[in-house]
PDB file of N, CA and C in Angstrom:
ATOM      1  N   MET A   1     147.944-117.926 213.938  1.00  0.00           N
ATOM      2  CA  MET A   1     148.784-116.775 214.186  1.00  0.00           C
ATOM      3  C   MET A   1     150.235-117.238 214.293  1.00  0.00           C
ATOM      4  N   ALA A   2     151.168-116.443 213.765  1.00  0.00           N
ATOM      5  CA  ALA A   2     152.576-116.814 213.770  1.00  0.00           C
ATOM      6  C   ALA A   2     153.163-116.648 215.172  1.00  0.00           C
ATOM      7  N   VAL A   3     153.794-117.700 215.643  1.00  0.00           N
ATOM      8  CA  VAL A   3     154.425-117.699 216.958  1.00  0.00           C
ATOM      9  C   VAL A   3     155.858-118.175 216.782  1.00  0.00           C
ATOM     10  N   PRO A   4     156.862-117.460 217.322  1.00  0.00           N
ATOM     11  CA  PRO A   4     158.241-117.909 217.177  1.00  0.00           C
ATOM     12  C   PRO A   4     158.471-119.237 217.886  1.00  0.00           C
ATOM     13  N   GLN A   5     159.168-120.142 217.212  1.00  0.00           N
ATOM     14  CA  GLN A   5     159.425-121.448 217.816  1.00  0.00           C
ATOM     15  C   GLN A   5     160.517-121.374 218.866  1.00  0.00           C
ATOM     16  N   ARG A   6     161.467-120.499 218.682  1.00  0.00           N
ATOM     17  CA  ARG A   6     162.559-120.359 219.641  1.00  0.00           C
ATOM     18  C   ARG A   6     162.718-118.889 220.024  1.00  0.00           C
ATOM     19  N   ARG A   7     163.196-118.688 221.220  1.00  0.00           N
ATOM     20  CA  ARG A   7     163.453-117.334 221.696  1.00  0.00           C
ATOM     21  C   ARG A   7     164.615-116.724 220.909  1.00  0.00           C
ATOM     22  N   THR A   8     164.501-115.432 220.560  1.00  0.00           N
ATOM     23  CA  THR A   8     165.588-114.746 219.867  1.00  0.00           C
ATOM     24  C   THR A   8     166.697-114.474 220.871  1.00  0.00           C
ATOM     25  N   SER A   9     167.901-114.913 220.555  1.00  0.00           N
ATOM     26  CA  SER A   9     169.022-114.740 221.473  1.00  0.00           C
ATOM     27  C   SER A   9     169.415-113.272 221.586  1.00  0.00           C
ATOM     28  N   LYS A  10     170.142-112.958 222.637  1.00  0.00           N
ATOM     29  CA  LYS A  10     170.601-111.582 222.835  1.00  0.00           C
ATOM     30  C   LYS A  10     171.516-111.153 221.699  1.00  0.00           C
ATOM     31  N   THR A  11     172.373-112.037 221.239  1.00  0.00           N
ATOM     32  CA  THR A  11     173.306-111.704 220.167  1.00  0.00           C
ATOM     33  C   THR A  11     172.575-111.423 218.863  1.00  0.00           C
ATOM     34  N   ALA A  12     171.627-112.256 218.514  1.00  0.00           N
ATOM     35  CA  ALA A  12     170.881-112.056 217.271  1.00  0.00           C
ATOM     36  C   ALA A  12     170.091-110.751 217.319  1.00  0.00           C
ATOM     37  N   LYS A  13     169.522-110.465 218.496  1.00  0.00           N
ATOM     38  CA  LYS A  13     168.751-109.242 218.657  1.00  0.00           C
ATOM     39  C   LYS A  13     169.650-108.012 218.533  1.00  0.00           C
ATOM     40  N   ARG A  14     170.835-108.079 219.143  1.00  0.00           N
ATOM     41  CA  ARG A  14     171.757-106.942 219.103  1.00  0.00           C
ATOM     42  C   ARG A  14     172.383-106.772 217.726  1.00  0.00           C
ATOM     43  N   LEU A  15     172.614-107.844 217.000  1.00  0.00           N
ATOM     44  CA  LEU A  15     173.138-107.739 215.647  1.00  0.00           C
ATOM     45  C   LEU A  15     172.127-107.070 214.724  1.00  0.00           C
ATOM     46  N   ARG A  16     170.870-107.376 214.911  1.00  0.00           N
ATOM     47  CA  ARG A  16     169.834-106.788 214.087  1.00  0.00           C
ATOM     48  C   ARG A  16     169.711-105.289 214.367  1.00  0.00           C
ATOM     49  N   ARG A  17     169.899-104.906 215.610  1.00  0.00           N
ATOM     50  CA  ARG A  17     169.740-103.509 216.002  1.00  0.00           C
ATOM     51  C   ARG A  17     171.051-102.739 215.955  1.00  0.00           C
ATOM     52  N   GLY A  18     172.056-103.267 215.333  1.00  0.00           N
ATOM     53  CA  GLY A  18     173.378-102.652 215.335  1.00  0.00           C
ATOM     54  C   GLY A  18     173.459-101.327 214.615  1.00  0.00           C
ATOM     55  N   HIS A  19     172.572-101.048 213.681  1.00  0.00           N
ATOM     56  CA  HIS A  19     172.641 -99.804 212.919  1.00  0.00           C
ATOM     57  C   HIS A  19     171.741 -98.715 213.482  1.00  0.00           C
ATOM     58  N   TYR A  20     171.095 -98.962 214.617  1.00  0.00           N
ATOM     59  CA  TYR A  20     170.255 -97.939 215.235  1.00  0.00           C
ATOM     60  C   TYR A  20     171.125 -97.085 216.139  1.00  0.00           C
ATOM     61  N   LYS A  21     171.763 -96.077 215.590  1.00  0.00           N
ATOM     62  CA  LYS A  21     172.618 -95.228 216.405  1.00  0.00           C
ATOM     63  C   LYS A  21     172.589 -93.810 215.848  1.00  0.00           C
ATOM     64  N   LEU A  22     172.977 -92.879 216.671  1.00  0.00           N
ATOM     65  CA  LEU A  22     173.025 -91.480 216.261  1.00  0.00           C
ATOM     66  C   LEU A  22     174.279 -91.233 215.444  1.00  0.00           C
ATOM     67  N   GLU A  23     174.159 -90.394 214.443  1.00  0.00           N
ATOM     68  CA  GLU A  23     175.315 -90.016 213.648  1.00  0.00           C
ATOM     69  C   GLU A  23     175.836 -88.692 214.164  1.00  0.00           C
ATOM     70  N   SER A  24     177.147 -88.517 214.139  1.00  0.00           N
ATOM     71  CA  SER A  24     177.735 -87.272 214.619  1.00  0.00           C
ATOM     72  C   SER A  24     177.447 -86.146 213.628  1.00  0.00           C
ATOM     73  N   VAL A  25     177.322 -84.954 214.148  1.00  0.00           N
ATOM     74  CA  VAL A  25     177.016 -83.783 213.328  1.00  0.00           C
ATOM     75  C   VAL A  25     178.274 -83.374 212.570  1.00  0.00           C
ATOM     76  N   ALA A  26     178.131 -83.119 211.270  1.00  0.00           N
ATOM     77  CA  ALA A  26     179.262 -82.681 210.461  1.00  0.00           C
ATOM     78  C   ALA A  26     179.533 -81.204 210.744  1.00  0.00           C
ATOM     79  N   LEU A  27     180.785 -80.875 211.019  1.00  0.00           N
ATOM     80  CA  LEU A  27     181.174 -79.497 211.291  1.00  0.00           C
ATOM     81  C   LEU A  27     182.360 -79.120 210.425  1.00  0.00           C
ATOM     82  N   VAL A  28     182.369 -77.877 209.958  1.00  0.00           N
ATOM     83  CA  VAL A  28     183.488 -77.342 209.183  1.00  0.00           C
ATOM     84  C   VAL A  28     183.889 -76.008 209.801  1.00  0.00           C
ATOM     85  N   ALA A  29     185.108 -75.581 209.532  1.00  0.00           N
ATOM     86  CA  ALA A  29     185.586 -74.305 210.059  1.00  0.00           C
ATOM     87  C   ALA A  29     185.066 -73.168 209.195  1.00  0.00           C
ATOM     88  N   CYS A  30     184.594 -72.116 209.840  1.00  0.00           N
ATOM     89  CA  CYS A  30     184.131 -70.922 209.131  1.00  0.00           C
ATOM     90  C   CYS A  30     185.344 -70.254 208.489  1.00  0.00           C
ATOM     91  N   PRO A  31     185.289 -69.956 207.184  1.00  0.00           N
ATOM     92  CA  PRO A  31     186.451 -69.332 206.540  1.00  0.00           C
ATOM     93  C   PRO A  31     186.714 -67.900 207.016  1.00  0.00           C
ATOM     94  N   HIS A  32     185.705 -67.272 207.627  1.00  0.00           N
ATOM     95  CA  HIS A  32     185.871 -65.877 208.067  1.00  0.00           C
ATOM     96  C   HIS A  32     186.459 -65.787 209.467  1.00  0.00           C
ATOM     97  N   CYS A  33     185.890 -66.553 210.423  1.00  0.00           N
ATOM     98  CA  CYS A  33     186.350 -66.429 211.809  1.00  0.00           C
ATOM     99  C   CYS A  33     186.981 -67.709 212.354  1.00  0.00           C
ATOM    100  N   GLY A  34     186.785 -68.844 211.685  1.00  0.00           N
ATOM    101  CA  GLY A  34     187.395 -70.091 212.123  1.00  0.00           C
ATOM    102  C   GLY A  34     186.564 -70.903 213.098  1.00  0.00           C
ATOM    103  N   ALA A  35     185.378 -70.435 213.449  1.00  0.00           N
ATOM    104  CA  ALA A  35     184.513 -71.178 214.363  1.00  0.00           C
ATOM    105  C   ALA A  35     183.938 -72.399 213.652  1.00  0.00           C
ATOM    106  N   LEU A  36     183.592 -73.432 214.419  1.00  0.00           N
ATOM    107  CA  LEU A  36     183.000 -74.628 213.839  1.00  0.00           C
ATOM    108  C   LEU A  36     181.514 -74.409 213.590  1.00  0.00           C
ATOM    109  N   VAL A  37     181.078 -74.605 212.352  1.00  0.00           N
ATOM    110  CA  VAL A  37     179.680 -74.439 211.971  1.00  0.00           C
ATOM    111  C   VAL A  37     179.274 -75.607 211.082  1.00  0.00           C
ATOM    112  N   ARG A  38     177.969 -75.829 210.972  1.00  0.00           N
ATOM    113  CA  ARG A  38     177.467 -76.863 210.077  1.00  0.00           C
ATOM    114  C   ARG A  38     177.607 -76.392 208.639  1.00  0.00           C
ATOM    115  N   PRO A  39     177.852 -77.303 207.713  1.00  0.00           N
ATOM    116  CA  PRO A  39     177.993 -76.895 206.310  1.00  0.00           C
ATOM    117  C   PRO A  39     176.701 -76.269 205.782  1.00  0.00           C
ATOM    118  N   HIS A  40     176.835 -75.258 204.941  1.00  0.00           N
ATOM    119  CA  HIS A  40     175.718 -74.567 204.287  1.00  0.00           C
ATOM    120  C   HIS A  40     174.804 -73.862 205.284  1.00  0.00           C
ATOM    121  N   HIS A  41     175.360 -73.396 206.406  1.00  0.00           N
ATOM    122  CA  HIS A  41     174.609 -72.640 207.398  1.00  0.00           C
ATOM    123  C   HIS A  41     175.358 -71.341 207.694  1.00  0.00           C
ATOM    124  N   VAL A  42     174.620 -70.329 208.136  1.00  0.00           N
ATOM    125  CA  VAL A  42     175.224 -69.058 208.513  1.00  0.00           C
ATOM    126  C   VAL A  42     175.987 -69.257 209.817  1.00  0.00           C
ATOM    127  N   CYS A  43     177.167 -68.663 209.900  1.00  0.00           N
ATOM    128  CA  CYS A  43     177.985 -68.749 211.112  1.00  0.00           C
ATOM    129  C   CYS A  43     177.316 -67.940 212.218  1.00  0.00           C
ATOM    130  N   LYS A  44     177.112 -68.549 213.380  1.00  0.00           N
ATOM    131  CA  LYS A  44     176.467 -67.850 214.495  1.00  0.00           C
ATOM    132  C   LYS A  44     177.423 -66.884 215.182  1.00  0.00           C
ATOM    133  N   GLU A  45     178.709 -67.096 215.015  1.00  0.00           N
ATOM    134  CA  GLU A  45     179.693 -66.228 215.673  1.00  0.00           C
ATOM    135  C   GLU A  45     179.844 -64.894 214.934  1.00  0.00           C
ATOM    136  N   CYS A  46     180.056 -64.951 213.606  1.00  0.00           N
ATOM    137  CA  CYS A  46     180.336 -63.719 212.866  1.00  0.00           C
ATOM    138  C   CYS A  46     179.209 -63.312 211.919  1.00  0.00           C
ATOM    139  N   GLY A  47     178.272 -64.221 211.607  1.00  0.00           N
ATOM    140  CA  GLY A  47     177.129 -63.873 210.764  1.00  0.00           C
ATOM    141  C   GLY A  47     177.413 -63.927 209.276  1.00  0.00           C
ATOM    142  N   TYR A  48     178.524 -64.541 208.883  1.00  0.00           N
ATOM    143  CA  TYR A  48     178.878 -64.598 207.467  1.00  0.00           C
ATOM    144  C   TYR A  48     178.435 -65.923 206.847  1.00  0.00           C
ATOM    145  N   TYR A  49     178.083 -65.858 205.558  1.00  0.00           N
ATOM    146  CA  TYR A  49     177.779 -67.046 204.762  1.00  0.00           C
ATOM    147  C   TYR A  49     178.205 -66.763 203.331  1.00  0.00           C
ATOM    148  N   LYS A  50     179.060 -67.603 202.779  1.00  0.00           N
ATOM    149  CA  LYS A  50     179.604 -67.461 201.421  1.00  0.00           C
ATOM    150  C   LYS A  50     180.257 -66.097 201.212  1.00  0.00           C
ATOM    151  N   GLY A  51     180.979 -65.621 202.229  1.00  0.00           N
ATOM    152  CA  GLY A  51     181.709 -64.375 202.111  1.00  0.00           C
ATOM    153  C   GLY A  51     180.872 -63.121 202.277  1.00  0.00           C
ATOM    154  N   LYS A  52     179.587 -63.237 202.613  1.00  0.00           N
ATOM    155  CA  LYS A  52     178.719 -62.071 202.776  1.00  0.00           C
ATOM    156  C   LYS A  52     178.251 -61.989 204.225  1.00  0.00           C
ATOM    157  N   ASP A  53     178.108 -60.763 204.713  1.00  0.00           N
ATOM    158  CA  ASP A  53     177.643 -60.528 206.075  1.00  0.00           C
ATOM    159  C   ASP A  53     176.118 -60.601 206.086  1.00  0.00           C
ATOM    160  N   ILE A  54     175.567 -61.762 206.339  1.00  0.00           N
ATOM    161  CA  ILE A  54     174.126 -62.010 206.211  1.00  0.00           C
ATOM    162  C   ILE A  54     173.343 -61.463 207.407  1.00  0.00           C
ATOM    163  N   LEU A  55     173.781 -61.741 208.625  1.00  0.00           N
ATOM    164  CA  LEU A  55     173.001 -61.354 209.798  1.00  0.00           C
ATOM    165  C   LEU A  55     172.932 -59.843 209.968  1.00  0.00           C
ATOM    166  N   HIS A  56     174.002 -59.128 209.647  1.00  0.00           N
ATOM    167  CA  HIS A  56     173.965 -57.673 209.790  1.00  0.00           C
ATOM    168  C   HIS A  56     173.142 -57.036 208.672  1.00  0.00           C
ATOM    169  N   LEU A  57     173.075 -57.655 207.495  1.00  0.00           N
ATOM    170  CA  LEU A  57     172.234 -57.125 206.427  1.00  0.00           C
ATOM    171  C   LEU A  57     170.769 -57.181 206.813  1.00  0.00           C
ATOM    172  N   LYS A  58     170.352 -58.270 207.475  1.00  0.00           N
ATOM    173  CA  LYS A  58     168.951 -58.393 207.890  1.00  0.00           C
ATOM    174  C   LYS A  58     168.605 -57.350 208.939  1.00  0.00           C
ATOM    175  N   LYS A  59     169.535 -57.030 209.827  1.00  0.00           N
ATOM    176  CA  LYS A  59     169.258 -56.038 210.871  1.00  0.00           C
ATOM    177  C   LYS A  59     169.100 -54.652 210.247  1.00  0.00           C
ATOM    178  N   GLU A  60     169.884 -54.335 209.213  1.00  0.00           N
ATOM    179  CA  GLU A  60     169.797 -53.025 208.572  1.00  0.00           C
ATOM    180  C   GLU A  60     168.484 -52.856 207.806  1.00  0.00           C
ATOM    181  N   GLU A  61     167.950 -53.959 207.237  1.00  0.00           N
ATOM    182  CA  GLU A  61     166.702 -53.883 206.477  1.00  0.00           C
ATOM    183  C   GLU A  61     165.529 -53.571 207.376  1.00  0.00           C
ATOM    184  N   GLU A  62     165.538 -54.069 208.595  1.00  0.00           N
ATOM    185  CA  GLU A  62     164.415 -53.877 209.536  1.00  0.00           C
ATOM    186  C   GLU A  62     164.483 -52.574 210.218  1.00  0.00           C
TER     187      GLU A  62
END
């Protein structure tokens, strides 16, 4: 069975794990109301997406 001959140092261990981190969420300004929203998502503040009122259209259909 494979057994390490030397203990892995703290530096080597931390260098290997250096890319394990959370990435920040990308946000863009809504062109209709200016609120920060994720790209390609409906704005939660005004309900618009690509210049159309999406959330209010769904309420009228129901």
